[in-house]
Amino acid sequence: MCIISSVALAVTTAVVGAVSTAIGVVSAIQQGKAQEAQYEYQAQVQKENQRIANQNATMERQAGIEEARRQRIKTLQMIGSQKTALAANGMDVGFGTSLDTIEDTAMLGELDALMIEKEAETRARNYEIQANNFANEANLSMYSARNARTAGTLNAISSAANGIGNTLNSISGYGGFGNLKSSSTSGLGKQIVNLAKTGVSNGLASWNNKGLGTTP
């Protein structure tokens, strides 16, 4: 009866341990996938923001060019009105004060047009800076996604090894199965746990040393 009872307890412990280990493994993998999906979504949003920022930069430049063109047309119209007025007063628009007035109008008009283009270019550059920042954030999010996936896998391996080791240690307390001695079972369980911890630590260290942007 004592032997049967010990075997039954050992079997029950093994089953419970296997179920618990499976749950831990699945949970670790799902958690890694959930974090990976979250980071990938963030990367998609950041890439879309990058696209919009670049589009805004292009629109600002085009708007600046068009506004400067309208300013130059306005200047030409002003010069035409001045020439008409000067000629109506009997003044020669090609000499003296009349010419100076027309040249001043042309110069000031062109300065206004150049200022419009400069301000538009400044706004476009600001959008391009934003786009670059969004690109960097997207790269960081993708790197974090890969880290999350790898961490989930390593945690699953660690959970499995710990579960197996703990189950073997528990079984050894009931005399083990068959000719499997308690001491050897316990020692095997500890070895599995230690190997798992070492493997996970080395895996994480190796992954972290790869650096940003490295493809797994």
Protein backbone atom coordinates (compact mmCIF):
# COMPACT_ATOMS: atom_id res chain seq x y z
CA MET A 1 0.00 0.00 0.00
CA CYS A 2 2.83 2.36 0.91
CA ILE A 3 4.56 1.74 -2.44
CA ILE A 4 1.33 2.20 -4.41
CA SER A 5 0.54 5.36 -2.50
CA SER A 6 4.00 6.77 -3.16
CA VAL A 7 3.76 6.00 -6.86
CA ALA A 8 0.29 7.57 -7.03
CA LEU A 9 1.56 10.69 -5.34
CA ALA A 10 4.55 10.79 -7.66
CA VAL A 11 2.28 10.44 -10.71
CA THR A 12 -0.05 13.15 -9.41
CA THR A 13 2.89 15.44 -8.74
CA ALA A 14 4.26 14.82 -12.22
CA VAL A 15 0.90 15.60 -13.87
CA VAL A 16 0.35 18.74 -11.80
CA GLY A 17 3.92 19.83 -12.51
CA ALA A 18 3.51 19.24 -16.24
CA VAL A 19 0.28 21.24 -16.36
CA SER A 20 1.78 24.06 -14.32
CA THR A 21 4.87 24.10 -16.52
CA ALA A 22 2.78 24.16 -19.69
CA ILE A 23 0.74 27.07 -18.38
CA GLY A 24 3.90 28.95 -17.49
CA VAL A 25 5.43 28.34 -20.91
CA VAL A 26 2.29 29.42 -22.79
CA SER A 27 1.91 32.48 -20.57
CA ALA A 28 5.52 33.57 -21.16
CA ILE A 29 5.17 33.17 -24.93
CA GLN A 30 1.83 35.00 -25.05
CA GLN A 31 3.16 37.83 -22.94
CA GLY A 32 6.15 38.18 -25.26
CA LYS A 33 3.88 38.20 -28.33
CA ALA A 34 1.54 40.77 -26.76
CA GLN A 35 4.43 43.12 -26.01
CA GLU A 36 5.84 42.55 -29.47
CA ALA A 37 2.48 43.42 -31.07
CA GLN A 38 2.20 46.57 -28.95
CA TYR A 39 5.65 47.79 -29.98
CA GLU A 40 4.98 46.97 -33.63
CA TYR A 41 1.75 48.99 -33.49
CA GLN A 42 3.66 51.92 -32.01
CA ALA A 43 6.20 51.61 -34.83
CA GLN A 44 3.42 51.71 -37.43
CA VAL A 45 1.95 54.86 -35.87
CA GLN A 46 5.37 56.51 -35.75
CA LYS A 47 6.08 55.62 -39.39
CA GLU A 48 2.73 57.13 -40.39
CA ASN A 49 3.60 60.28 -38.43
CA GLN A 50 6.93 60.34 -40.27
CA ARG A 51 5.13 60.13 -43.62
CA ILE A 52 2.75 62.96 -42.66
CA ALA A 53 5.61 65.16 -41.45
CA ASN A 54 7.50 64.68 -44.74
CA GLN A 55 4.32 65.43 -46.66
CA ASN A 56 3.85 68.63 -44.65
CA ALA A 57 7.44 69.65 -45.43
CA THR A 58 6.81 69.25 -49.15
CA MET A 59 3.55 71.20 -48.91
CA GLU A 60 5.22 74.06 -47.03
CA ARG A 61 7.92 74.39 -49.70
CA GLN A 62 5.36 74.38 -52.49
CA ALA A 63 3.21 76.92 -50.66
CA GLY A 64 6.25 79.15 -50.14
CA ILE A 65 7.16 79.01 -53.81
CA GLU A 66 3.61 79.89 -54.84
CA GLU A 67 3.32 82.73 -52.34
CA ALA A 68 6.67 84.16 -53.44
CA ARG A 69 5.50 83.99 -57.04
CA ARG A 70 2.38 85.96 -56.17
CA GLN A 71 4.53 88.51 -54.33
CA ARG A 72 6.72 89.02 -57.41
CA ILE A 73 3.63 89.48 -59.58
CA LYS A 74 2.33 92.03 -57.09
CA THR A 75 5.67 93.86 -57.26
CA LEU A 76 5.55 94.00 -61.06
CA GLN A 77 2.03 95.37 -60.87
CA MET A 78 3.19 98.08 -58.45
CA ILE A 79 6.07 98.98 -60.76
CA GLY A 80 3.66 99.20 -63.68
CA SER A 81 1.37 101.52 -61.72
CA GLN A 82 4.33 103.70 -60.74
CA LYS A 83 5.53 103.98 -64.33
CA THR A 84 2.06 104.94 -65.47
CA ALA A 85 1.76 107.58 -62.75
CA LEU A 86 5.23 109.00 -63.43
CA ALA A 87 4.66 109.11 -67.17
CA ALA A 88 1.31 110.83 -66.66
CA ASN A 89 3.16 113.58 -64.77
CA GLY A 90 5.58 114.02 -67.64
CA MET A 91 8.52 112.33 -65.93
CA ASP A 92 11.01 110.08 -67.71
CA VAL A 93 10.84 106.71 -65.94
CA GLY A 94 14.29 105.70 -67.26
CA PHE A 95 16.31 108.39 -65.50
CA GLY A 96 16.88 110.14 -62.17
CA THR A 97 14.43 110.01 -59.30
CA SER A 98 11.81 108.13 -61.29
CA LEU A 99 14.23 105.30 -62.03
CA ASP A 100 15.38 105.22 -58.40
CA THR A 101 11.80 104.87 -57.23
CA ILE A 102 11.10 102.00 -59.59
CA GLU A 103 14.34 100.20 -58.64
CA ASP A 104 13.57 100.59 -54.93
CA THR A 105 10.14 99.08 -55.47
CA ALA A 106 11.66 96.16 -57.37
CA MET A 107 14.30 95.56 -54.70
CA LEU A 108 11.84 95.68 -51.78
CA GLY A 109 9.41 93.43 -53.63
CA GLU A 110 12.13 90.84 -54.27
CA LEU A 111 13.21 90.98 -50.61
CA ASP A 112 9.63 90.26 -49.59
CA ALA A 113 9.53 87.28 -51.96
CA LEU A 114 12.82 85.92 -50.65
CA MET A 115 11.63 86.31 -47.06
CA ILE A 116 8.49 84.34 -47.89
CA GLU A 117 10.62 81.53 -49.36
CA LYS A 118 12.96 81.56 -46.35
CA GLU A 119 10.11 81.28 -43.84
CA ALA A 120 8.53 78.45 -45.84
CA GLU A 121 11.87 76.62 -45.92
CA THR A 122 12.22 77.03 -42.15
CA ARG A 123 8.80 75.48 -41.59
CA ALA A 124 9.65 72.65 -44.01
CA ARG A 125 12.91 71.95 -42.16
CA ASN A 126 11.03 71.77 -38.86
CA TYR A 127 8.70 69.17 -40.33
CA GLU A 128 11.69 67.21 -41.63
CA ILE A 129 13.20 67.22 -38.16
CA GLN A 130 9.93 65.86 -36.82
CA ALA A 131 9.96 63.17 -39.51
CA ASN A 132 13.49 62.16 -38.55
CA ASN A 133 12.50 61.94 -34.89
CA PHE A 134 9.51 59.77 -35.76
CA ALA A 135 11.78 57.50 -37.83
CA ASN A 136 14.14 57.07 -34.89
CA GLU A 137 11.22 56.29 -32.58
CA ALA A 138 9.90 53.72 -35.04
CA ASN A 139 13.30 52.01 -35.19
CA LEU A 140 13.43 51.94 -31.39
CA SER A 141 9.94 50.45 -31.21
CA MET A 142 10.87 47.70 -33.69
CA TYR A 143 14.00 46.96 -31.67
CA SER A 144 11.87 46.73 -28.52
CA ALA A 145 9.44 44.42 -30.35
CA ARG A 146 12.26 42.03 -31.22
CA ASN A 147 13.53 42.19 -27.64
CA ALA A 148 10.04 41.39 -26.32
CA ARG A 149 9.72 38.40 -28.62
CA THR A 150 13.15 37.07 -27.65
CA ALA A 151 12.53 37.69 -23.95
CA GLY A 152 9.23 35.81 -24.20
CA THR A 153 10.96 32.81 -25.77
CA LEU A 154 13.77 32.81 -23.22
CA ASN A 155 11.30 33.16 -20.36
CA ALA A 156 9.32 30.23 -21.76
CA ILE A 157 12.47 28.10 -21.87
CA SER A 158 13.34 29.15 -18.33
CA SER A 159 9.80 28.39 -17.13
CA ALA A 160 9.89 24.95 -18.77
CA ALA A 161 13.27 24.07 -17.30
CA ASN A 162 12.31 25.32 -13.84
CA GLY A 163 9.04 23.37 -14.02
CA ILE A 164 10.80 20.16 -15.02
CA GLY A 165 13.47 20.61 -12.38
CA ASN A 166 10.96 21.36 -9.63
CA THR A 167 8.79 18.39 -10.66
CA LEU A 168 11.77 16.03 -10.52
CA ASN A 169 12.71 17.40 -7.12
CA SER A 170 9.14 16.88 -5.88
CA ILE A 171 8.98 13.34 -7.28
CA SER A 172 12.20 12.48 -5.50
CA GLY A 173 10.44 13.16 -2.21
CA TYR A 174 8.07 10.25 -2.91
CA GLY A 175 10.78 7.80 -3.86
CA GLY A 176 10.74 8.55 -7.60
CA PHE A 177 9.62 6.19 -10.36
CA GLY A 178 10.92 2.67 -10.54
CA ASN A 179 14.63 2.44 -9.88
CA LEU A 180 15.16 6.21 -10.11
CA LYS A 181 16.78 7.12 -6.82
CA SER A 182 15.80 10.14 -4.84
CA SER A 183 19.27 11.64 -4.77
CA SER A 184 19.81 11.29 -8.53
CA THR A 185 16.37 12.75 -9.30
CA SER A 186 16.95 15.72 -7.03
CA GLY A 187 20.40 16.29 -8.49
CA LEU A 188 19.02 16.15 -12.04
CA GLY A 189 16.33 18.66 -11.16
CA LYS A 190 18.88 21.09 -9.77
CA GLN A 191 21.09 20.65 -12.82
CA ILE A 192 18.20 21.43 -15.17
CA VAL A 193 17.29 24.56 -13.23
CA ASN A 194 20.88 25.77 -13.12
CA LEU A 195 21.38 25.10 -16.83
CA ALA A 196 18.18 26.97 -17.63
CA LYS A 197 19.20 29.99 -15.59
CA THR A 198 22.65 30.04 -17.19
CA GLY A 199 21.20 29.64 -20.69
CA VAL A 200 18.64 32.40 -20.24
CA SER A 201 21.21 34.77 -18.77
CA ASN A 202 23.61 34.13 -21.64
CA GLY A 203 20.80 34.48 -24.17
CA LEU A 204 19.69 37.84 -22.81
CA ALA A 205 23.28 39.09 -22.60
CA SER A 206 23.94 38.03 -26.19
CA TRP A 207 20.73 39.71 -27.42
CA ASN A 208 21.43 42.97 -25.59
CA ASN A 209 24.95 43.09 -27.06
CA LYS A 210 23.58 43.01 -30.62
CA GLY A 211 22.64 46.68 -30.48
CA LEU A 212 19.84 48.75 -31.91
CA GLY A 213 18.52 47.79 -35.33
CA THR A 214 20.08 44.34 -35.50
CA THR A 215 17.88 41.76 -37.13
CA PRO A 216 17.41 38.68 -34.90
